[in-house]
Amino acid sequence: MNFKSLKRAVSVSLAALFVAGAVAGCGGGEKKDAGSAQKPAAGQTVKINFPTASASGALYAVGAAITNMWNQNVPGVNAASQASAGGIANLGMVADGEAQVSIAISSNCYQALNGTDSFKDHAFKDFRAIGGLYMNPNQVVVTKASGISKLSDVKGKHFAVASAGSSVYNECQTHFTAAGLNFPDDMKCEYITFTDAADMLQNGSIDGAWIMSGAPASAVSQALTANCTLVNIDDTVLKALKEKYPWYAPYTIPAGTYPNQDKDVQTSAIKMVMFTRADMPEDVVYNLTKSFWEHIDELGASQKNLKGLKPADAVKDIANLPLHPGAEKYYKEIGVLK
């Protein structure tokens, strides 16, 4: 991932960077101090590129629903969602100014802000949260013929772990390590998309796959119609994860969520966070935040992952990530923050 452009931006006006990358119809703009939020001039359209994840994942549909709602309800905003490689790529795109708003799991957001793990030496100090959304569960799908019933059973198996450096790959690394495996050497890894993993599970050419997505996820549904099953993540692994990574929470995928799933499945989950850059204008982020929560019922009606979300929970379980002033203004206005 490339954060060089972000670092170069420290020496120039972030407001000018925003105008160049996010405001249509401008030939330039007055430079301001780095970190200041420039209000768009009257009549200008703020263009928002919103990367999500693979087209087969739940996050892709969530992003499309949000951007469509913003286009209908926030004057002066032209928002468009797009498929992407997922959370880590999304953070890189927003950091580099290629995108303005996106979603990633709170752990990756924390790592990006602080320049750790995949973001070592590439801290995204201008990261600002708009709000926490829903819990994003890990879903371990295996063929029944594989004989895998727990994470440690994956040793020596042919397993899809998504692309190296991705959020999902990192989840595989933390979980399999907690289960006592030497990752990735203890398995035959396949670096493929959720869609390809579901196809390979169906035809039996891999033993299992790691899918991190809101439930139900289409790739998991596809696999569970073809003699596959979900694996429980046991209490021992969950305890080890929580001791080292406080953002993890236990999560239950209720029986009947997927075809042929007749039992609850215990797994782990991390909250999804919608985020932007510090130099996004305060009034724009305020309007995006306000519109999102004022239309959460209709968003929830079309996207199960957004159903039942409440603004009071938007500032909880997000690893103490800094809020954008525009979002903070809205949460104070409705009494969520003092």
Protein backbone atom coordinates (compact mmCIF):
# COMPACT_ATOMS: atom_id res chain seq x y z
CA MET A 1 0.00 0.00 0.00
CA ASN A 2 1.27 3.49 -0.82
CA PHE A 3 1.11 6.21 1.80
CA LYS A 4 3.86 8.32 0.27
CA SER A 5 1.43 10.81 -1.17
CA LEU A 6 -0.11 11.25 2.27
CA LYS A 7 3.27 12.07 3.76
CA ARG A 8 4.05 14.53 0.98
CA ALA A 9 0.74 16.22 1.67
CA VAL A 10 2.03 17.37 5.07
CA SER A 11 4.06 20.05 3.31
CA VAL A 12 1.18 21.37 1.24
CA SER A 13 -2.34 22.50 1.93
CA LEU A 14 -4.67 19.60 2.72
CA ALA A 15 -7.51 21.85 1.71
CA ALA A 16 -5.97 22.24 -1.73
CA LEU A 17 -5.59 18.46 -1.94
CA PHE A 18 -9.28 18.04 -1.15
CA VAL A 19 -10.27 20.57 -3.82
CA ALA A 20 -8.09 18.83 -6.40
CA GLY A 21 -9.38 15.34 -5.62
CA ALA A 22 -12.91 15.78 -4.36
CA VAL A 23 -14.52 18.91 -5.78
CA ALA A 24 -15.71 18.95 -9.35
CA GLY A 25 -15.41 21.94 -11.64
CA CYS A 26 -12.48 23.69 -9.88
CA GLY A 27 -9.35 24.90 -11.55
CA GLY A 28 -7.57 25.56 -8.25
CA GLY A 29 -8.11 27.06 -4.84
CA GLU A 30 -6.58 29.20 -2.13
CA LYS A 31 -4.21 27.25 0.08
CA LYS A 32 -4.82 27.08 3.80
CA ASP A 33 -2.90 25.72 6.75
CA ALA A 34 -2.41 21.95 6.69
CA GLY A 35 -5.21 20.15 8.45
CA SER A 36 -7.80 22.90 7.97
CA ALA A 37 -11.18 21.94 6.57
CA GLN A 38 -12.15 24.07 3.60
CA LYS A 39 -15.84 24.63 3.02
CA PRO A 40 -16.83 24.04 -0.62
CA ALA A 41 -17.87 27.16 -2.51
CA ALA A 42 -21.52 27.60 -3.34
CA GLY A 43 -22.60 25.61 -6.37
CA GLN A 44 -19.72 23.13 -6.19
CA THR A 45 -20.40 19.42 -6.01
CA VAL A 46 -18.47 17.35 -3.52
CA LYS A 47 -17.53 14.07 -5.19
CA ILE A 48 -17.23 11.13 -2.81
CA ASN A 49 -15.58 7.93 -3.94
CA PHE A 50 -16.58 5.12 -1.55
CA PRO A 51 -14.60 1.85 -1.97
CA THR A 52 -16.17 -1.19 -0.32
CA ALA A 53 -15.03 -4.80 -0.90
CA SER A 54 -15.48 -7.57 -3.47
CA ALA A 55 -18.73 -7.47 -5.42
CA SER A 56 -19.85 -10.76 -3.82
CA GLY A 57 -19.51 -9.50 -0.25
CA ALA A 58 -22.15 -7.86 1.92
CA LEU A 59 -20.09 -4.66 2.26
CA TYR A 60 -20.40 -3.96 -1.46
CA ALA A 61 -24.20 -3.79 -1.22
CA VAL A 62 -24.00 -1.76 2.01
CA GLY A 63 -21.80 0.86 0.35
CA ALA A 64 -24.10 1.07 -2.65
CA ALA A 65 -27.13 1.62 -0.41
CA ILE A 66 -25.39 4.35 1.59
CA THR A 67 -24.10 6.29 -1.42
CA ASN A 68 -27.47 6.06 -3.15
CA MET A 69 -29.18 7.43 -0.03
CA TRP A 70 -26.68 10.30 0.21
CA ASN A 71 -27.22 11.23 -3.43
CA GLN A 72 -30.94 11.46 -2.81
CA ASN A 73 -30.80 13.35 0.48
CA VAL A 74 -27.61 15.41 0.76
CA PRO A 75 -27.58 18.41 -1.61
CA GLY A 76 -24.27 19.11 -3.31
CA VAL A 77 -22.95 15.56 -2.89
CA ASN A 78 -22.22 13.13 -5.70
CA ALA A 79 -21.29 9.81 -4.08
CA ALA A 80 -20.37 6.57 -5.82
CA SER A 81 -19.45 3.19 -4.36
CA GLN A 82 -17.05 0.78 -6.02
CA ALA A 83 -15.69 -2.71 -5.52
CA SER A 84 -12.27 -2.94 -3.88
CA ALA A 85 -9.83 -5.36 -2.26
CA GLY A 86 -11.37 -4.61 1.15
CA GLY A 87 -10.61 -2.70 4.33
CA ILE A 88 -6.82 -2.34 4.14
CA ALA A 89 -7.02 -1.20 0.52
CA ASN A 90 -9.83 1.19 1.48
CA LEU A 91 -7.70 2.79 4.19
CA GLY A 92 -4.86 3.22 1.72
CA MET A 93 -7.12 4.82 -0.88
CA VAL A 94 -8.57 7.33 1.58
CA ALA A 95 -5.12 8.07 3.02
CA ASP A 96 -3.77 8.75 -0.47
CA GLY A 97 -6.74 10.90 -1.46
CA GLU A 98 -8.05 8.43 -4.05
CA ALA A 99 -11.26 8.05 -2.02
CA GLN A 100 -13.03 10.25 0.51
CA VAL A 101 -15.17 7.89 2.62
CA SER A 102 -15.02 4.16 3.21
CA ILE A 103 -15.51 1.35 5.72
CA ALA A 104 -13.04 -0.99 7.44
CA ILE A 105 -12.92 -3.07 10.59
CA SER A 106 -11.93 -1.16 13.73
CA SER A 107 -8.72 -3.17 14.17
CA ASN A 108 -7.39 -2.14 10.76
CA CYS A 109 -8.44 1.47 11.42
CA TYR A 110 -6.52 1.44 14.70
CA GLN A 111 -3.46 -0.07 13.04
CA ALA A 112 -3.60 2.48 10.21
CA LEU A 113 -3.91 5.44 12.59
CA ASN A 114 -0.96 4.22 14.66
CA GLY A 115 1.21 2.83 11.88
CA THR A 116 1.37 -0.75 13.14
CA ASP A 117 1.07 -4.24 11.59
CA SER A 118 0.26 -3.88 7.86
CA PHE A 119 0.64 -0.11 8.21
CA LYS A 120 4.10 -0.09 9.79
CA ASP A 121 5.97 3.07 8.71
CA HIS A 122 2.83 4.27 6.91
CA ALA A 123 0.67 5.77 9.68
CA PHE A 124 -2.58 7.38 8.51
CA LYS A 125 -2.58 10.18 11.08
CA ASP A 126 -5.37 12.04 9.29
CA PHE A 127 -7.80 9.14 9.84
CA ARG A 128 -11.11 10.31 11.30
CA ALA A 129 -14.11 8.12 12.14
CA ILE A 130 -17.67 8.95 11.11
CA GLY A 131 -19.08 6.20 13.31
CA GLY A 132 -19.14 2.53 14.20
CA LEU A 133 -21.69 0.42 12.33
CA TYR A 134 -22.28 -3.32 12.65
CA MET A 135 -20.25 -6.25 13.89
CA ASN A 136 -18.43 -8.06 11.08
CA PRO A 137 -18.13 -11.79 11.83
CA ASN A 138 -15.44 -14.20 10.74
CA GLN A 139 -16.93 -17.19 8.93
CA VAL A 140 -14.87 -20.34 8.46
CA VAL A 141 -16.41 -22.53 5.77
CA VAL A 142 -15.18 -26.07 5.12
CA THR A 143 -16.24 -29.07 3.09
CA LYS A 144 -17.70 -31.89 5.14
CA ALA A 145 -15.28 -34.26 3.40
CA SER A 146 -12.31 -32.30 4.81
CA GLY A 147 -12.88 -33.54 8.36
CA ILE A 148 -12.23 -30.07 9.76
CA SER A 149 -14.20 -29.38 12.94
CA LYS A 150 -11.94 -26.81 14.64
CA LEU A 151 -9.31 -24.29 13.55
CA SER A 152 -6.35 -26.50 14.46
CA ASP A 153 -7.68 -29.15 12.04
CA VAL A 154 -6.78 -26.87 9.13
CA LYS A 155 -3.13 -27.93 9.49
CA GLY A 156 -2.00 -29.50 6.21
CA LYS A 157 -5.25 -28.62 4.43
CA HIS A 158 -5.84 -26.65 1.25
CA PHE A 159 -7.37 -23.40 2.50
CA ALA A 160 -8.38 -20.05 0.95
CA VAL A 161 -7.03 -17.10 2.97
CA ALA A 162 -7.76 -14.17 0.59
CA SER A 163 -5.01 -11.90 -0.73
CA ALA A 164 -1.81 -11.43 1.26
CA GLY A 165 -1.92 -8.20 3.25
CA SER A 166 -5.71 -8.01 3.21
CA SER A 167 -7.97 -7.73 6.26
CA VAL A 168 -9.06 -11.34 5.82
CA TYR A 169 -5.47 -12.58 5.55
CA ASN A 170 -4.69 -10.80 8.82
CA GLU A 171 -7.71 -12.45 10.46
CA CYS A 172 -6.41 -15.83 9.33
CA GLN A 173 -3.01 -15.02 10.78
CA THR A 174 -4.28 -13.95 14.20
CA HIS A 175 -6.83 -16.77 14.55
CA PHE A 176 -4.71 -19.67 13.32
CA THR A 177 -1.79 -18.47 15.45
CA ALA A 178 -4.12 -18.35 18.48
CA ALA A 179 -5.18 -21.91 17.60
CA GLY A 180 -1.55 -23.08 17.75
CA LEU A 181 -0.71 -23.21 14.03
CA ASN A 182 2.30 -21.73 12.26
CA PHE A 183 0.60 -19.52 9.71
CA PRO A 184 0.83 -19.72 6.73
CA ASP A 185 3.37 -22.55 6.61
CA ASP A 186 1.12 -25.14 8.27
CA MET A 187 -1.39 -25.14 5.41
CA LYS A 188 -1.62 -25.00 1.65
CA CYS A 189 -2.85 -21.45 1.13
CA GLU A 190 -4.97 -20.26 -1.77
CA TYR A 191 -5.00 -16.48 -2.30
CA ILE A 192 -8.36 -15.89 -3.95
CA THR A 193 -11.57 -13.86 -3.70
CA PHE A 194 -14.68 -14.93 -1.79
CA THR A 195 -16.44 -15.70 -5.08
CA ASP A 196 -13.64 -17.97 -6.30
CA ALA A 197 -13.46 -19.61 -2.88
CA ALA A 198 -17.17 -20.42 -2.97
CA ASP A 199 -16.78 -21.98 -6.44
CA MET A 200 -13.81 -24.07 -5.32
CA LEU A 201 -15.63 -25.20 -2.18
CA GLN A 202 -18.54 -26.29 -4.34
CA ASN A 203 -16.38 -28.41 -6.60
CA GLY A 204 -14.24 -29.71 -3.73
CA SER A 205 -10.93 -28.35 -5.00
CA ILE A 206 -10.19 -26.69 -1.62
CA ASP A 207 -10.92 -27.88 1.90
CA GLY A 208 -11.98 -24.58 3.40
CA ALA A 209 -12.06 -20.80 3.18
CA TRP A 210 -12.02 -17.80 5.50
CA ILE A 211 -14.78 -15.30 4.77
CA MET A 212 -15.20 -12.11 6.78
CA SER A 213 -18.49 -10.48 5.94
CA GLY A 214 -21.82 -9.56 7.38
CA ALA A 215 -24.11 -12.56 7.67
CA PRO A 216 -25.67 -13.81 5.54
CA ALA A 217 -22.93 -13.57 2.91
CA SER A 218 -23.65 -14.82 -0.59
CA ALA A 219 -20.38 -16.76 -0.84
CA VAL A 220 -21.19 -18.65 2.37
CA SER A 221 -24.75 -19.35 1.23
CA GLN A 222 -23.39 -20.73 -2.04
CA ALA A 223 -20.94 -23.02 -0.26
CA LEU A 224 -23.48 -24.32 2.26
CA THR A 225 -25.74 -25.52 -0.53
CA ALA A 226 -22.89 -27.82 -1.65
CA ASN A 227 -22.11 -30.11 1.28
CA CYS A 228 -20.12 -27.54 3.25
CA THR A 229 -20.46 -26.39 6.85
CA LEU A 230 -19.37 -23.60 9.22
CA VAL A 231 -16.71 -24.18 11.90
CA ASN A 232 -17.09 -23.02 15.50
CA ILE A 233 -14.30 -20.88 16.97
CA ASP A 234 -13.96 -22.26 20.48
CA ASP A 235 -13.73 -20.36 23.78
CA THR A 236 -9.99 -20.99 24.15
CA VAL A 237 -9.19 -19.26 20.86
CA LEU A 238 -11.58 -16.41 21.61
CA LYS A 239 -10.01 -15.84 25.02
CA ALA A 240 -6.51 -15.75 23.51
CA LEU A 241 -7.64 -13.26 20.89
CA LYS A 242 -9.32 -10.92 23.36
CA GLU A 243 -6.30 -10.88 25.67
CA LYS A 244 -4.08 -9.61 22.86
CA TYR A 245 -6.56 -7.74 20.67
CA PRO A 246 -9.29 -5.98 22.70
CA TRP A 247 -11.44 -5.18 19.65
CA TYR A 248 -12.61 -8.78 19.27
CA ALA A 249 -16.04 -9.84 20.49
CA PRO A 250 -17.77 -13.23 20.51
CA TYR A 251 -20.50 -13.52 17.90
CA THR A 252 -23.21 -16.07 17.22
CA ILE A 253 -24.45 -16.86 13.73
CA PRO A 254 -27.98 -18.07 14.51
CA ALA A 255 -29.23 -21.40 13.19
CA GLY A 256 -31.07 -20.91 9.92
CA THR A 257 -28.97 -17.96 8.78
CA TYR A 258 -27.70 -20.14 5.94
CA PRO A 259 -29.04 -23.12 3.97
CA ASN A 260 -28.57 -26.41 5.82
CA GLN A 261 -27.38 -24.63 9.00
CA ASP A 262 -29.37 -26.25 11.77
CA LYS A 263 -27.20 -25.12 14.73
CA ASP A 264 -25.89 -21.83 16.10
CA VAL A 265 -22.26 -21.19 15.18
CA GLN A 266 -19.90 -19.37 17.56
CA THR A 267 -17.27 -17.14 15.98
CA SER A 268 -15.48 -13.83 16.47
CA ALA A 269 -16.38 -10.39 15.15
CA ILE A 270 -15.04 -6.85 14.90
CA LYS A 271 -17.09 -3.68 14.50
CA MET A 272 -17.11 -2.02 11.10
CA VAL A 273 -16.23 1.69 11.10
CA MET A 274 -17.15 4.29 8.50
CA PHE A 275 -14.32 6.80 8.15
CA THR A 276 -12.94 9.75 6.21
CA ARG A 277 -9.97 12.16 6.25
CA ALA A 278 -9.37 15.03 8.67
CA ASP A 279 -9.44 17.53 5.80
CA MET A 280 -12.98 16.69 4.71
CA PRO A 281 -15.07 19.84 5.38
CA GLU A 282 -16.87 19.74 8.71
CA ASP A 283 -20.26 20.68 7.27
CA VAL A 284 -20.03 17.95 4.62
CA VAL A 285 -19.24 15.22 7.17
CA TYR A 286 -21.94 16.57 9.50
CA ASN A 287 -24.52 16.29 6.70
CA LEU A 288 -23.36 12.81 5.71
CA THR A 289 -23.54 11.62 9.33
CA LYS A 290 -26.91 13.24 10.00
CA SER A 291 -28.42 11.87 6.79
CA PHE A 292 -27.10 8.37 7.47
CA TRP A 293 -28.70 8.14 10.90
CA GLU A 294 -31.92 9.88 9.92
CA HIS A 295 -32.41 7.28 7.16
CA ILE A 296 -31.10 4.25 9.04
CA ASP A 297 -34.52 2.57 9.11
CA GLU A 298 -34.86 2.59 5.33
CA LEU A 299 -31.23 1.52 4.96
CA GLY A 300 -31.87 -1.32 7.39
CA ALA A 301 -34.93 -2.39 5.43
CA SER A 302 -32.78 -2.98 2.34
CA GLN A 303 -29.55 -4.11 4.05
CA LYS A 304 -29.78 -6.57 6.93
CA ASN A 305 -26.37 -5.56 8.24
CA LEU A 306 -27.66 -2.03 8.87
CA LYS A 307 -30.94 -3.09 10.45
CA GLY A 308 -31.42 -2.00 14.04
CA LEU A 309 -28.32 0.19 14.22
CA LYS A 310 -28.54 3.10 16.67
CA PRO A 311 -26.44 6.29 16.78
CA ALA A 312 -25.85 5.73 20.50
CA ASP A 313 -23.74 2.70 19.56
CA ALA A 314 -21.78 4.53 16.85
CA VAL A 315 -19.16 5.73 19.33
CA LYS A 316 -18.84 2.41 21.19
CA ASP A 317 -16.39 -0.45 20.55
CA ILE A 318 -14.37 1.52 18.00
CA ALA A 319 -10.97 1.22 19.72
CA ASN A 320 -10.99 4.90 20.81
CA LEU A 321 -10.61 6.08 17.22
CA PRO A 322 -10.81 9.89 16.77
CA LEU A 323 -14.08 11.21 15.38
CA HIS A 324 -14.24 13.75 12.59
CA PRO A 325 -15.43 17.13 13.99
CA GLY A 326 -18.46 17.00 11.67
CA ALA A 327 -19.54 13.63 13.02
CA GLU A 328 -18.74 14.67 16.57
CA LYS A 329 -20.95 17.75 16.14
CA TYR A 330 -23.90 15.56 15.15
CA TYR A 331 -23.45 13.12 18.03
CA LYS A 332 -23.29 16.02 20.49
CA GLU A 333 -26.36 17.56 18.92
CA ILE A 334 -28.45 14.41 19.54
CA GLY A 335 -27.01 13.82 23.02
CA VAL A 336 -24.86 10.76 22.26
CA LEU A 337 -21.77 12.74 23.26
CA LYS A 338 -21.46 15.54 25.81
